[in-house]
Amino acid sequence: MNADPHGALARQLDAMHAQDDPFGYRTRWYEARKRQVLLATLPHPHFERAWEIGCSNGELTAALSPRCSHLLATDLSANAVRQARARNAGDPVVQVQQAQHPAQWPDGRFDLIVLSEVGYYMPPQALQEVAGRIAGSLTAHGLLVACHWLHPFQGAYQHGAQVHGVLAAGVPLPRVYRYQDPDFLLEGWSAMPQSIAQREGLR
């Protein structure tokens, strides 16, 4: 067993982010489409305060920014943080910070928390602790969104579907939507179960 899983993980992620776009977030249609699906499923047009956990090189951060008044983006990797800051330079909405979760945790509450393509990199105990703390960082009507790849790969502690199982068990909120295709799973949890149509009086 690794006595320093977070240190090993930071080194692994830094090595990945030695390249400018290690996962093809900027070049692959798969990634662009996935971002569009995530954005389209958000049940509100705008969020006052949002937090993206595991921002990588900041591509999803840049896509989320127009929907937010304030957006905190965090990552364990110093290289990822550098890339995310460069990608979002000049955007007053975005604040990018290096952080190790759950040991380091932001103050206040958020009406949107996004966990995309990061849960399987977290050691299982850390993921459970993160899941247990998320509800306390959401506003009364806040939304948690998780999106993960469904196929095994080297360096993952667990399968993407298992990550969502840990989140569902640790976050005491009802699931309000779910999308799955052959490659990724996207889910949202919130204390506000009303659909968009219900909120707008269509039914």
N, C-alpha and C. Protein backbone atom coordinates (compact mmCIF):
# COMPACT_ATOMS: atom_id res chain seq x y z
N MET A 1 0.85 -1.20 0.00
CA MET A 1 0.00 0.00 0.00
C MET A 1 0.88 1.24 0.00
N ASN A 2 0.53 2.21 -0.78
CA ASN A 2 1.30 3.45 -0.85
C ASN A 2 1.07 4.26 0.41
N ALA A 3 2.15 4.61 1.12
CA ALA A 3 2.01 5.36 2.36
C ALA A 3 1.66 6.82 2.11
N ASP A 4 1.84 7.27 0.90
CA ASP A 4 1.56 8.68 0.56
C ASP A 4 0.77 8.73 -0.74
N PRO A 5 -0.51 8.27 -0.73
CA PRO A 5 -1.26 8.20 -1.99
C PRO A 5 -1.46 9.55 -2.65
N HIS A 6 -1.63 10.60 -1.84
CA HIS A 6 -1.84 11.93 -2.42
C HIS A 6 -0.57 12.44 -3.10
N GLY A 7 0.59 12.18 -2.48
CA GLY A 7 1.84 12.59 -3.10
C GLY A 7 2.09 11.85 -4.40
N ALA A 8 1.82 10.54 -4.40
CA ALA A 8 1.98 9.75 -5.62
C ALA A 8 1.02 10.22 -6.69
N LEU A 9 -0.21 10.53 -6.28
CA LEU A 9 -1.21 11.00 -7.24
C LEU A 9 -0.82 12.35 -7.82
N ALA A 10 -0.31 13.25 -6.98
CA ALA A 10 0.12 14.56 -7.48
C ALA A 10 1.22 14.40 -8.52
N ARG A 11 2.15 13.49 -8.26
CA ARG A 11 3.23 13.26 -9.23
C ARG A 11 2.68 12.66 -10.53
N GLN A 12 1.73 11.73 -10.39
CA GLN A 12 1.12 11.12 -11.57
C GLN A 12 0.39 12.16 -12.42
N LEU A 13 -0.39 13.02 -11.76
CA LEU A 13 -1.15 14.03 -12.49
C LEU A 13 -0.23 15.10 -13.08
N ASP A 14 0.83 15.44 -12.36
CA ASP A 14 1.80 16.39 -12.91
C ASP A 14 2.46 15.83 -14.16
N ALA A 15 2.78 14.52 -14.12
CA ALA A 15 3.39 13.90 -15.30
C ALA A 15 2.42 13.91 -16.48
N MET A 16 1.15 13.63 -16.22
CA MET A 16 0.14 13.68 -17.28
C MET A 16 0.06 15.08 -17.87
N HIS A 17 0.08 16.08 -17.00
CA HIS A 17 -0.09 17.47 -17.45
C HIS A 17 1.23 18.12 -17.87
N ALA A 18 2.28 17.30 -18.03
CA ALA A 18 3.48 17.82 -18.67
C ALA A 18 3.16 18.19 -20.12
N GLN A 19 2.15 17.50 -20.69
CA GLN A 19 1.61 17.90 -21.99
C GLN A 19 0.54 18.96 -21.77
N ASP A 20 0.35 19.79 -22.76
CA ASP A 20 -0.60 20.90 -22.63
C ASP A 20 -2.05 20.44 -22.60
N ASP A 21 -2.36 19.37 -23.34
CA ASP A 21 -3.74 18.88 -23.40
C ASP A 21 -3.72 17.36 -23.37
N PRO A 22 -3.42 16.77 -22.20
CA PRO A 22 -3.15 15.33 -22.15
C PRO A 22 -4.34 14.45 -22.48
N PHE A 23 -5.55 14.94 -22.30
CA PHE A 23 -6.73 14.12 -22.53
C PHE A 23 -7.48 14.50 -23.81
N GLY A 24 -6.94 15.42 -24.56
CA GLY A 24 -7.61 15.84 -25.79
C GLY A 24 -8.87 16.64 -25.56
N TYR A 25 -8.94 17.35 -24.43
CA TYR A 25 -10.13 18.15 -24.13
C TYR A 25 -10.39 19.21 -25.20
N ARG A 26 -9.32 19.72 -25.81
CA ARG A 26 -9.48 20.79 -26.80
C ARG A 26 -9.67 20.28 -28.22
N THR A 27 -9.30 19.04 -28.47
CA THR A 27 -9.25 18.57 -29.85
C THR A 27 -10.25 17.48 -30.19
N ARG A 28 -10.73 16.73 -29.21
CA ARG A 28 -11.60 15.59 -29.50
C ARG A 28 -13.07 16.00 -29.48
N TRP A 29 -13.82 15.57 -30.49
CA TRP A 29 -15.27 15.80 -30.51
C TRP A 29 -15.94 15.09 -29.35
N TYR A 30 -15.43 13.91 -28.96
CA TYR A 30 -15.98 13.23 -27.78
C TYR A 30 -16.00 14.16 -26.57
N GLU A 31 -14.90 14.86 -26.33
CA GLU A 31 -14.81 15.75 -25.17
C GLU A 31 -15.70 16.98 -25.34
N ALA A 32 -15.71 17.56 -26.53
CA ALA A 32 -16.55 18.74 -26.77
C ALA A 32 -18.03 18.38 -26.60
N ARG A 33 -18.43 17.24 -27.14
CA ARG A 33 -19.83 16.80 -27.00
C ARG A 33 -20.19 16.56 -25.54
N LYS A 34 -19.28 15.91 -24.81
CA LYS A 34 -19.54 15.62 -23.40
C LYS A 34 -19.75 16.91 -22.61
N ARG A 35 -18.93 17.91 -22.88
CA ARG A 35 -19.12 19.21 -22.21
C ARG A 35 -20.49 19.79 -22.54
N GLN A 36 -20.88 19.69 -23.81
CA GLN A 36 -22.17 20.25 -24.22
C GLN A 36 -23.33 19.51 -23.55
N VAL A 37 -23.20 18.19 -23.41
CA VAL A 37 -24.23 17.42 -22.71
C VAL A 37 -24.32 17.86 -21.25
N LEU A 38 -23.16 17.99 -20.60
CA LEU A 38 -23.14 18.42 -19.20
C LEU A 38 -23.80 19.79 -19.04
N LEU A 39 -23.43 20.72 -19.89
CA LEU A 39 -24.00 22.07 -19.81
C LEU A 39 -25.50 22.06 -20.09
N ALA A 40 -25.93 21.25 -21.06
CA ALA A 40 -27.34 21.21 -21.42
C ALA A 40 -28.21 20.62 -20.33
N THR A 41 -27.65 19.74 -19.50
CA THR A 41 -28.45 19.12 -18.44
C THR A 41 -28.54 19.98 -17.18
N LEU A 42 -27.74 21.02 -17.07
CA LEU A 42 -27.83 21.88 -15.88
C LEU A 42 -29.22 22.50 -15.83
N PRO A 43 -29.94 22.37 -14.71
CA PRO A 43 -31.34 22.78 -14.66
C PRO A 43 -31.58 24.27 -14.46
N HIS A 44 -30.52 25.05 -14.35
CA HIS A 44 -30.66 26.50 -14.19
C HIS A 44 -29.78 27.20 -15.24
N PRO A 45 -30.22 28.33 -15.74
CA PRO A 45 -29.39 29.04 -16.71
C PRO A 45 -28.16 29.68 -16.10
N HIS A 46 -28.22 29.94 -14.77
CA HIS A 46 -27.12 30.66 -14.13
C HIS A 46 -26.96 30.19 -12.69
N PHE A 47 -25.71 30.18 -12.23
CA PHE A 47 -25.38 29.80 -10.86
C PHE A 47 -24.55 30.91 -10.23
N GLU A 48 -24.88 31.27 -9.01
CA GLU A 48 -24.19 32.36 -8.34
C GLU A 48 -22.77 31.96 -7.96
N ARG A 49 -22.62 30.78 -7.36
CA ARG A 49 -21.30 30.37 -6.86
C ARG A 49 -21.11 28.89 -7.17
N ALA A 50 -20.11 28.58 -7.98
CA ALA A 50 -19.88 27.20 -8.42
C ALA A 50 -18.45 26.77 -8.08
N TRP A 51 -18.28 25.45 -7.98
CA TRP A 51 -16.98 24.87 -7.67
C TRP A 51 -16.76 23.66 -8.57
N GLU A 52 -15.67 23.67 -9.32
CA GLU A 52 -15.28 22.53 -10.15
C GLU A 52 -14.10 21.83 -9.48
N ILE A 53 -14.31 20.59 -9.06
CA ILE A 53 -13.28 19.81 -8.40
C ILE A 53 -12.51 19.02 -9.46
N GLY A 54 -11.21 19.23 -9.54
CA GLY A 54 -10.42 18.52 -10.55
C GLY A 54 -10.54 19.16 -11.91
N CYS A 55 -10.07 20.40 -12.03
CA CYS A 55 -10.32 21.19 -13.24
C CYS A 55 -9.41 20.85 -14.41
N SER A 56 -8.34 20.07 -14.17
CA SER A 56 -7.39 19.72 -15.23
C SER A 56 -6.90 20.99 -15.93
N ASN A 57 -6.91 21.01 -17.26
CA ASN A 57 -6.33 22.16 -17.97
C ASN A 57 -7.31 23.30 -18.19
N GLY A 58 -8.49 23.23 -17.58
CA GLY A 58 -9.39 24.38 -17.56
C GLY A 58 -10.35 24.50 -18.72
N GLU A 59 -10.49 23.46 -19.54
CA GLU A 59 -11.42 23.54 -20.67
C GLU A 59 -12.87 23.54 -20.20
N LEU A 60 -13.23 22.63 -19.29
CA LEU A 60 -14.59 22.64 -18.76
C LEU A 60 -14.82 23.91 -17.94
N THR A 61 -13.80 24.36 -17.23
CA THR A 61 -13.90 25.61 -16.48
C THR A 61 -14.33 26.75 -17.40
N ALA A 62 -13.68 26.85 -18.54
CA ALA A 62 -14.01 27.92 -19.50
C ALA A 62 -15.43 27.78 -20.02
N ALA A 63 -15.91 26.55 -20.17
CA ALA A 63 -17.27 26.33 -20.65
C ALA A 63 -18.31 26.65 -19.57
N LEU A 64 -17.97 26.39 -18.31
CA LEU A 64 -18.89 26.67 -17.20
C LEU A 64 -18.96 28.16 -16.88
N SER A 65 -17.89 28.87 -17.09
CA SER A 65 -17.79 30.26 -16.65
C SER A 65 -18.95 31.16 -17.08
N PRO A 66 -19.42 31.11 -18.34
CA PRO A 66 -20.52 32.00 -18.72
C PRO A 66 -21.82 31.74 -17.97
N ARG A 67 -21.92 30.58 -17.31
CA ARG A 67 -23.13 30.23 -16.57
C ARG A 67 -23.01 30.56 -15.08
N CYS A 68 -21.91 31.20 -14.67
CA CYS A 68 -21.64 31.41 -13.25
C CYS A 68 -21.28 32.87 -12.97
N SER A 69 -21.62 33.32 -11.75
CA SER A 69 -21.13 34.63 -11.29
C SER A 69 -19.74 34.50 -10.68
N HIS A 70 -19.51 33.39 -9.98
CA HIS A 70 -18.21 33.10 -9.38
C HIS A 70 -17.95 31.61 -9.57
N LEU A 71 -16.76 31.26 -10.03
CA LEU A 71 -16.41 29.86 -10.28
C LEU A 71 -15.04 29.56 -9.71
N LEU A 72 -15.00 28.69 -8.70
CA LEU A 72 -13.75 28.20 -8.13
C LEU A 72 -13.39 26.89 -8.83
N ALA A 73 -12.17 26.80 -9.33
CA ALA A 73 -11.68 25.58 -9.98
C ALA A 73 -10.44 25.11 -9.24
N THR A 74 -10.43 23.85 -8.80
CA THR A 74 -9.31 23.34 -8.02
C THR A 74 -8.74 22.08 -8.66
N ASP A 75 -7.45 21.85 -8.43
CA ASP A 75 -6.81 20.63 -8.90
C ASP A 75 -5.60 20.34 -8.02
N LEU A 76 -5.30 19.06 -7.87
CA LEU A 76 -4.14 18.66 -7.08
C LEU A 76 -2.83 18.93 -7.81
N SER A 77 -2.85 18.89 -9.13
CA SER A 77 -1.64 19.02 -9.94
C SER A 77 -1.25 20.48 -10.15
N ALA A 78 -0.01 20.79 -9.83
CA ALA A 78 0.49 22.15 -10.07
C ALA A 78 0.52 22.46 -11.56
N ASN A 79 0.86 21.47 -12.39
CA ASN A 79 0.87 21.70 -13.83
C ASN A 79 -0.53 21.96 -14.37
N ALA A 80 -1.51 21.21 -13.86
CA ALA A 80 -2.89 21.43 -14.29
C ALA A 80 -3.36 22.83 -13.89
N VAL A 81 -3.03 23.25 -12.68
CA VAL A 81 -3.42 24.58 -12.22
C VAL A 81 -2.80 25.66 -13.10
N ARG A 82 -1.54 25.48 -13.45
CA ARG A 82 -0.88 26.44 -14.34
C ARG A 82 -1.60 26.51 -15.69
N GLN A 83 -1.96 25.37 -16.24
CA GLN A 83 -2.65 25.34 -17.53
C GLN A 83 -4.05 25.95 -17.43
N ALA A 84 -4.76 25.63 -16.34
CA ALA A 84 -6.11 26.17 -16.17
C ALA A 84 -6.08 27.68 -16.00
N ARG A 85 -5.09 28.18 -15.29
CA ARG A 85 -4.96 29.63 -15.14
C ARG A 85 -4.67 30.30 -16.48
N ALA A 86 -3.81 29.68 -17.27
CA ALA A 86 -3.52 30.24 -18.59
C ALA A 86 -4.75 30.21 -19.48
N ARG A 87 -5.50 29.11 -19.43
CA ARG A 87 -6.69 28.98 -20.28
C ARG A 87 -7.75 30.00 -19.91
N ASN A 88 -7.85 30.35 -18.62
CA ASN A 88 -8.90 31.25 -18.16
C ASN A 88 -8.36 32.61 -17.74
N ALA A 89 -7.18 32.95 -18.20
CA ALA A 89 -6.58 34.24 -17.87
C ALA A 89 -7.48 35.38 -18.33
N GLY A 90 -7.65 36.34 -17.45
CA GLY A 90 -8.47 37.50 -17.80
C GLY A 90 -9.95 37.34 -17.55
N ASP A 91 -10.38 36.15 -17.13
CA ASP A 91 -11.79 35.92 -16.82
C ASP A 91 -12.02 36.23 -15.35
N PRO A 92 -12.73 37.31 -15.02
CA PRO A 92 -12.90 37.70 -13.62
C PRO A 92 -13.79 36.75 -12.83
N VAL A 93 -14.52 35.90 -13.52
CA VAL A 93 -15.42 34.95 -12.85
C VAL A 93 -14.64 33.80 -12.22
N VAL A 94 -13.51 33.43 -12.82
CA VAL A 94 -12.80 32.19 -12.49
C VAL A 94 -11.66 32.44 -11.52
N GLN A 95 -11.58 31.58 -10.50
CA GLN A 95 -10.45 31.54 -9.58
C GLN A 95 -9.93 30.11 -9.57
N VAL A 96 -8.66 29.92 -9.90
CA VAL A 96 -8.06 28.59 -9.97
C VAL A 96 -7.09 28.43 -8.81
N GLN A 97 -7.22 27.32 -8.06
CA GLN A 97 -6.37 27.08 -6.90
C GLN A 97 -5.87 25.64 -6.92
N GLN A 98 -4.63 25.45 -6.44
CA GLN A 98 -4.14 24.10 -6.20
C GLN A 98 -4.62 23.66 -4.83
N ALA A 99 -5.18 22.46 -4.73
CA ALA A 99 -5.71 21.99 -3.46
C ALA A 99 -5.76 20.47 -3.44
N GLN A 100 -5.62 19.93 -2.25
CA GLN A 100 -5.75 18.49 -2.02
C GLN A 100 -7.03 18.26 -1.22
N HIS A 101 -7.98 17.59 -1.83
CA HIS A 101 -9.26 17.34 -1.16
C HIS A 101 -9.32 15.89 -0.67
N PRO A 102 -9.87 15.68 0.53
CA PRO A 102 -10.66 16.60 1.35
C PRO A 102 -9.86 17.38 2.39
N ALA A 103 -8.53 17.19 2.46
CA ALA A 103 -7.76 17.87 3.49
C ALA A 103 -7.90 19.38 3.40
N GLN A 104 -7.92 19.90 2.19
CA GLN A 104 -8.15 21.34 1.97
C GLN A 104 -9.55 21.50 1.38
N TRP A 105 -10.32 22.39 1.98
CA TRP A 105 -11.74 22.51 1.61
C TRP A 105 -12.14 23.99 1.62
N PRO A 106 -12.80 24.46 0.58
CA PRO A 106 -13.16 25.88 0.53
C PRO A 106 -14.26 26.24 1.52
N ASP A 107 -14.24 27.49 1.94
CA ASP A 107 -15.28 28.00 2.84
C ASP A 107 -16.55 28.30 2.05
N GLY A 108 -17.65 28.40 2.78
CA GLY A 108 -18.90 28.83 2.18
C GLY A 108 -19.63 27.70 1.47
N ARG A 109 -20.73 28.09 0.83
CA ARG A 109 -21.58 27.13 0.14
C ARG A 109 -21.69 27.47 -1.34
N PHE A 110 -21.99 26.47 -2.12
CA PHE A 110 -22.05 26.59 -3.58
C PHE A 110 -23.41 26.12 -4.07
N ASP A 111 -23.93 26.76 -5.10
CA ASP A 111 -25.17 26.24 -5.68
C ASP A 111 -24.91 25.30 -6.83
N LEU A 112 -23.62 25.11 -7.18
CA LEU A 112 -23.23 24.08 -8.15
C LEU A 112 -21.85 23.55 -7.79
N ILE A 113 -21.74 22.23 -7.69
CA ILE A 113 -20.44 21.56 -7.54
C ILE A 113 -20.34 20.53 -8.66
N VAL A 114 -19.23 20.58 -9.39
CA VAL A 114 -19.02 19.68 -10.53
C VAL A 114 -17.81 18.79 -10.25
N LEU A 115 -18.03 17.49 -10.40
CA LEU A 115 -16.97 16.49 -10.23
C LEU A 115 -16.89 15.72 -11.54
N SER A 116 -16.03 16.13 -12.45
CA SER A 116 -15.99 15.53 -13.78
C SER A 116 -14.63 14.89 -14.05
N GLU A 117 -14.64 13.60 -14.32
CA GLU A 117 -13.44 12.85 -14.71
C GLU A 117 -12.33 12.92 -13.67
N VAL A 118 -12.72 12.95 -12.39
CA VAL A 118 -11.71 13.06 -11.35
C VAL A 118 -11.87 12.04 -10.23
N GLY A 119 -13.09 11.54 -10.02
CA GLY A 119 -13.36 10.69 -8.87
C GLY A 119 -12.53 9.42 -8.83
N TYR A 120 -12.28 8.83 -10.00
CA TYR A 120 -11.51 7.57 -9.99
C TYR A 120 -10.03 7.77 -9.70
N TYR A 121 -9.54 8.98 -9.75
CA TYR A 121 -8.14 9.24 -9.37
C TYR A 121 -7.98 9.38 -7.85
N MET A 122 -9.07 9.59 -7.14
CA MET A 122 -8.99 9.77 -5.69
C MET A 122 -8.88 8.42 -4.99
N PRO A 123 -7.97 8.28 -4.02
CA PRO A 123 -7.97 7.07 -3.21
C PRO A 123 -9.36 6.84 -2.62
N PRO A 124 -9.81 5.59 -2.51
CA PRO A 124 -11.20 5.33 -2.08
C PRO A 124 -11.61 6.05 -0.81
N GLN A 125 -10.74 6.07 0.20
CA GLN A 125 -11.10 6.74 1.44
C GLN A 125 -11.28 8.24 1.22
N ALA A 126 -10.42 8.83 0.41
CA ALA A 126 -10.55 10.27 0.11
C ALA A 126 -11.85 10.55 -0.63
N LEU A 127 -12.21 9.69 -1.59
CA LEU A 127 -13.46 9.90 -2.32
C LEU A 127 -14.66 9.80 -1.38
N GLN A 128 -14.63 8.84 -0.46
CA GLN A 128 -15.73 8.72 0.50
C GLN A 128 -15.83 9.97 1.37
N GLU A 129 -14.70 10.50 1.79
CA GLU A 129 -14.72 11.70 2.62
C GLU A 129 -15.21 12.91 1.83
N VAL A 130 -14.79 13.02 0.58
CA VAL A 130 -15.27 14.10 -0.27
C VAL A 130 -16.78 14.00 -0.43
N ALA A 131 -17.29 12.80 -0.72
CA ALA A 131 -18.73 12.60 -0.86
C ALA A 131 -19.47 12.99 0.41
N GLY A 132 -18.89 12.65 1.56
CA GLY A 132 -19.54 12.97 2.82
C GLY A 132 -19.58 14.45 3.14
N ARG A 133 -18.67 15.22 2.54
CA ARG A 133 -18.61 16.65 2.85
C ARG A 133 -19.35 17.52 1.84
N ILE A 134 -19.64 16.97 0.68
CA ILE A 134 -20.21 17.79 -0.39
C ILE A 134 -21.55 18.39 0.00
N ALA A 135 -22.43 17.60 0.60
CA ALA A 135 -23.77 18.12 0.93
C ALA A 135 -23.67 19.34 1.83
N GLY A 136 -22.70 19.35 2.75
CA GLY A 136 -22.53 20.48 3.64
C GLY A 136 -21.99 21.72 2.95
N SER A 137 -21.52 21.56 1.72
CA SER A 137 -21.01 22.71 0.96
C SER A 137 -21.97 23.18 -0.11
N LEU A 138 -23.15 22.55 -0.19
CA LEU A 138 -24.17 22.98 -1.14
C LEU A 138 -25.18 23.90 -0.46
N THR A 139 -25.70 24.85 -1.20
CA THR A 139 -26.80 25.67 -0.70
C THR A 139 -28.05 24.79 -0.58
N ALA A 140 -29.11 25.34 -0.02
CA ALA A 140 -30.34 24.56 0.20
C ALA A 140 -30.88 23.95 -1.09
N HIS A 141 -30.67 24.64 -2.21
CA HIS A 141 -31.15 24.12 -3.49
C HIS A 141 -29.99 23.82 -4.44
N GLY A 142 -28.81 23.55 -3.86
CA GLY A 142 -27.62 23.33 -4.67
C GLY A 142 -27.66 22.02 -5.44
N LEU A 143 -26.80 21.93 -6.43
CA LEU A 143 -26.74 20.79 -7.35
C LEU A 143 -25.32 20.22 -7.40
N LEU A 144 -25.21 18.91 -7.25
CA LEU A 144 -23.95 18.19 -7.50
C LEU A 144 -24.07 17.50 -8.84
N VAL A 145 -23.10 17.71 -9.72
CA VAL A 145 -23.05 17.04 -11.01
C VAL A 145 -21.77 16.22 -11.07
N ALA A 146 -21.91 14.95 -11.46
CA ALA A 146 -20.75 14.07 -11.64
C ALA A 146 -20.79 13.47 -13.03
N CYS A 147 -19.62 13.37 -13.65
CA CYS A 147 -19.52 12.83 -15.01
C CYS A 147 -18.22 12.04 -15.11
N HIS A 148 -18.31 10.75 -15.50
CA HIS A 148 -17.12 9.91 -15.53
C HIS A 148 -17.16 8.88 -16.65
N TRP A 149 -15.99 8.59 -17.17
CA TRP A 149 -15.71 7.55 -18.17
C TRP A 149 -16.05 6.19 -17.58
N LEU A 150 -16.64 5.31 -18.39
CA LEU A 150 -17.14 4.04 -17.88
C LEU A 150 -16.23 2.84 -18.16
N HIS A 151 -15.07 3.06 -18.72
CA HIS A 151 -14.20 1.94 -19.08
C HIS A 151 -12.96 1.93 -18.18
N PRO A 152 -12.42 0.75 -17.87
CA PRO A 152 -11.23 0.68 -17.02
C PRO A 152 -10.01 1.28 -17.71
N PHE A 153 -9.11 1.85 -16.92
CA PHE A 153 -7.86 2.38 -17.45
C PHE A 153 -6.81 2.38 -16.36
N GLN A 154 -5.56 2.39 -16.76
CA GLN A 154 -4.45 2.34 -15.81
C GLN A 154 -4.42 3.62 -15.00
N GLY A 155 -4.25 3.47 -13.69
CA GLY A 155 -4.17 4.62 -12.80
C GLY A 155 -5.46 4.93 -12.09
N ALA A 156 -6.55 4.26 -12.46
CA ALA A 156 -7.83 4.49 -11.81
C ALA A 156 -7.95 3.60 -10.57
N TYR A 157 -8.40 4.18 -9.46
CA TYR A 157 -8.64 3.38 -8.27
C TYR A 157 -9.89 2.53 -8.41
N GLN A 158 -10.87 3.03 -9.16
CA GLN A 158 -12.11 2.30 -9.34
C GLN A 158 -12.81 2.75 -10.62
N HIS A 159 -13.80 1.97 -11.01
CA HIS A 159 -14.58 2.21 -12.22
C HIS A 159 -15.44 3.46 -12.06
N GLY A 160 -15.73 4.14 -13.17
CA GLY A 160 -16.56 5.34 -13.11
C GLY A 160 -17.91 5.11 -12.47
N ALA A 161 -18.55 3.97 -12.78
CA ALA A 161 -19.85 3.67 -12.17
C ALA A 161 -19.71 3.48 -10.66
N GLN A 162 -18.58 2.93 -10.21
CA GLN A 162 -18.35 2.78 -8.77
C GLN A 162 -18.19 4.15 -8.11
N VAL A 163 -17.53 5.07 -8.80
CA VAL A 163 -17.40 6.44 -8.28
C VAL A 163 -18.78 7.03 -8.03
N HIS A 164 -19.68 6.85 -8.98
CA HIS A 164 -21.03 7.40 -8.83
C HIS A 164 -21.78 6.69 -7.71
N GLY A 165 -21.50 5.40 -7.50
CA GLY A 165 -22.10 4.69 -6.38
C GLY A 165 -21.65 5.25 -5.05
N VAL A 166 -20.36 5.58 -4.94
CA VAL A 166 -19.84 6.18 -3.71
C VAL A 166 -20.49 7.54 -3.47
N LEU A 167 -20.63 8.33 -4.52
CA LEU A 167 -21.26 9.65 -4.38
C LEU A 167 -22.72 9.50 -3.97
N ALA A 168 -23.44 8.59 -4.61
CA ALA A 168 -24.86 8.40 -4.28
C ALA A 168 -25.03 7.96 -2.83
N ALA A 169 -24.11 7.13 -2.33
CA ALA A 169 -24.19 6.66 -0.95
C ALA A 169 -23.80 7.74 0.04
N GLY A 170 -22.88 8.62 -0.35
CA GLY A 170 -22.36 9.60 0.60
C GLY A 170 -23.06 10.93 0.59
N VAL A 171 -23.76 11.25 -0.48
CA VAL A 171 -24.45 12.54 -0.59
C VAL A 171 -25.95 12.30 -0.36
N PRO A 172 -26.49 12.76 0.76
CA PRO A 172 -27.89 12.45 1.11
C PRO A 172 -28.89 13.31 0.35
N LEU A 173 -28.84 13.23 -0.97
CA LEU A 173 -29.73 14.02 -1.82
C LEU A 173 -30.32 13.11 -2.89
N PRO A 174 -31.53 13.39 -3.34
CA PRO A 174 -32.11 12.59 -4.42
C PRO A 174 -31.42 12.88 -5.75
N ARG A 175 -31.36 11.84 -6.56
CA ARG A 175 -30.85 12.03 -7.91
C ARG A 175 -31.95 12.66 -8.75
N VAL A 176 -31.64 13.76 -9.43
CA VAL A 176 -32.66 14.48 -10.19
C VAL A 176 -32.55 14.23 -11.69
N TYR A 177 -31.41 13.76 -12.16
CA TYR A 177 -31.32 13.36 -13.56
C TYR A 177 -30.13 12.43 -13.77
N ARG A 178 -30.21 11.72 -14.89
CA ARG A 178 -29.17 10.74 -15.23
C ARG A 178 -29.09 10.60 -16.75
N TYR A 179 -27.88 10.63 -17.27
CA TYR A 179 -27.65 10.35 -18.69
C TYR A 179 -26.50 9.36 -18.79
N GLN A 180 -26.68 8.34 -19.61
CA GLN A 180 -25.61 7.37 -19.83
C GLN A 180 -25.58 6.98 -21.30
N ASP A 181 -24.38 6.93 -21.86
CA ASP A 181 -24.20 6.36 -23.19
C ASP A 181 -23.14 5.27 -23.07
N PRO A 182 -22.68 4.66 -24.14
CA PRO A 182 -21.73 3.56 -23.99
C PRO A 182 -20.41 3.94 -23.32
N ASP A 183 -20.10 5.23 -23.22
CA ASP A 183 -18.78 5.63 -22.75
C ASP A 183 -18.76 6.43 -21.46
N PHE A 184 -19.79 7.19 -21.16
CA PHE A 184 -19.74 7.97 -19.92
C PHE A 184 -21.10 8.04 -19.23
N LEU A 185 -21.03 8.30 -17.93
CA LEU A 185 -22.21 8.43 -17.08
C LEU A 185 -22.22 9.83 -16.50
N LEU A 186 -23.37 10.49 -16.59
CA LEU A 186 -23.57 11.84 -16.07
C LEU A 186 -24.79 11.84 -15.16
N GLU A 187 -24.63 12.30 -13.92
CA GLU A 187 -25.74 12.33 -12.98
C GLU A 187 -25.74 13.63 -12.19
N GLY A 188 -26.93 14.02 -11.73
CA GLY A 188 -27.07 15.20 -10.90
C GLY A 188 -27.90 14.89 -9.67
N TRP A 189 -27.49 15.44 -8.52
CA TRP A 189 -28.21 15.27 -7.26
C TRP A 189 -28.54 16.64 -6.68
N SER A 190 -29.75 16.78 -6.14
CA SER A 190 -30.15 18.08 -5.61
C SER A 190 -31.30 17.90 -4.62
N ALA A 191 -31.41 18.83 -3.67
CA ALA A 191 -32.54 18.84 -2.75
C ALA A 191 -33.77 19.45 -3.39
N MET A 192 -33.64 19.99 -4.60
CA MET A 192 -34.77 20.58 -5.30
C MET A 192 -35.14 19.67 -6.47
N PRO A 193 -36.11 18.77 -6.26
CA PRO A 193 -36.40 17.75 -7.27
C PRO A 193 -37.28 18.23 -8.42
N GLN A 194 -37.81 19.44 -8.34
CA GLN A 194 -38.69 19.91 -9.41
C GLN A 194 -37.97 19.96 -10.76
N SER A 195 -38.68 19.53 -11.79
CA SER A 195 -38.13 19.64 -13.14
C SER A 195 -38.21 21.09 -13.61
N ILE A 196 -37.52 21.38 -14.70
CA ILE A 196 -37.58 22.72 -15.27
C ILE A 196 -39.00 23.05 -15.68
N ALA A 197 -39.70 22.10 -16.28
CA ALA A 197 -41.09 22.33 -16.69
C ALA A 197 -41.98 22.64 -15.49
N GLN A 198 -41.77 21.94 -14.37
CA GLN A 198 -42.55 22.22 -13.16
C GLN A 198 -42.27 23.62 -12.64
N ARG A 199 -41.00 24.00 -12.60
CA ARG A 199 -40.66 25.33 -12.09
C ARG A 199 -41.24 26.43 -12.95
N GLU A 200 -41.36 26.19 -14.25
CA GLU A 200 -41.87 27.22 -15.15
C GLU A 200 -43.37 27.09 -15.40
N GLY A 201 -44.04 26.25 -14.60
CA GLY A 201 -45.49 26.16 -14.65
C GLY A 201 -46.06 25.46 -15.87
N LEU A 202 -45.25 24.65 -16.52
CA LEU A 202 -45.74 23.93 -17.70
C LEU A 202 -46.51 22.67 -17.33
N ARG A 203 -46.33 22.20 -16.10
CA ARG A 203 -47.12 21.05 -15.63
C ARG A 203 -47.25 21.10 -14.12
